[in-house]
Protein backbone atom coordinates (compact mmCIF):
# COMPACT_ATOMS: atom_id res chain seq x y z
CA UNK A 1 9.86 -3.71 -23.94
CA UNK A 2 6.58 -5.51 -24.80
CA UNK A 3 7.77 -8.55 -22.74
CA UNK A 4 8.31 -6.25 -19.78
CA UNK A 5 4.77 -5.14 -19.95
CA UNK A 6 3.52 -8.65 -20.00
CA UNK A 7 5.65 -9.43 -16.99
CA UNK A 8 4.19 -6.36 -15.15
CA UNK A 9 0.76 -7.39 -16.05
CA UNK A 10 1.35 -10.80 -14.55
CA UNK A 11 2.65 -9.29 -11.27
CA UNK A 12 -0.50 -7.09 -11.16
CA UNK A 13 -2.67 -10.24 -11.72
CA UNK A 14 -0.89 -11.87 -8.80
CA UNK A 15 -1.56 -8.81 -6.61
CA UNK A 16 -5.20 -8.78 -7.50
CA UNK A 17 -5.47 -12.43 -6.45
CA UNK A 18 -3.84 -11.62 -3.17
CA UNK A 19 -6.24 -8.78 -2.64
CA UNK A 20 -9.19 -10.98 -3.39
CA UNK A 21 -7.83 -13.38 -0.70
CA UNK A 22 -7.90 -10.38 1.81
CA UNK A 23 -4.07 -10.04 1.75
CA UNK A 24 -1.91 -7.12 0.94
CA UNK A 25 -2.00 -6.46 -2.84
CA UNK A 26 1.54 -7.49 -3.69
CA UNK A 27 2.68 -9.85 -6.60
CA UNK A 28 6.21 -10.55 -7.70
CA UNK A 29 7.98 -12.23 -10.55
CA UNK A 30 11.63 -13.35 -10.90
CA UNK A 31 12.58 -13.24 -14.58
CA UNK A 32 15.81 -14.49 -16.09
CA UNK A 33 16.47 -14.48 -19.93
CA UNK A 34 12.82 -13.57 -20.46
CA UNK A 35 11.61 -16.69 -18.56
CA UNK A 36 9.57 -16.55 -15.37
CA UNK A 37 11.63 -18.62 -12.83
CA UNK A 38 9.56 -17.76 -9.76
CA UNK A 39 6.33 -15.97 -8.97
CA UNK A 40 4.44 -15.37 -5.67
CA UNK A 41 2.04 -13.20 -3.92
CA UNK A 42 1.48 -12.38 -0.29
CA UNK A 43 -0.63 -15.06 1.34
């Protein structure tokens, strides 16, 4: 459960970066076996 919270915080961080770049505030992670295999934000 703690790892889930860390992943959610990372997605929120990506969303904040997108918002600062004047994009929609959206961040996403793809996690498999507790490893981030992809991450992105709207740009």
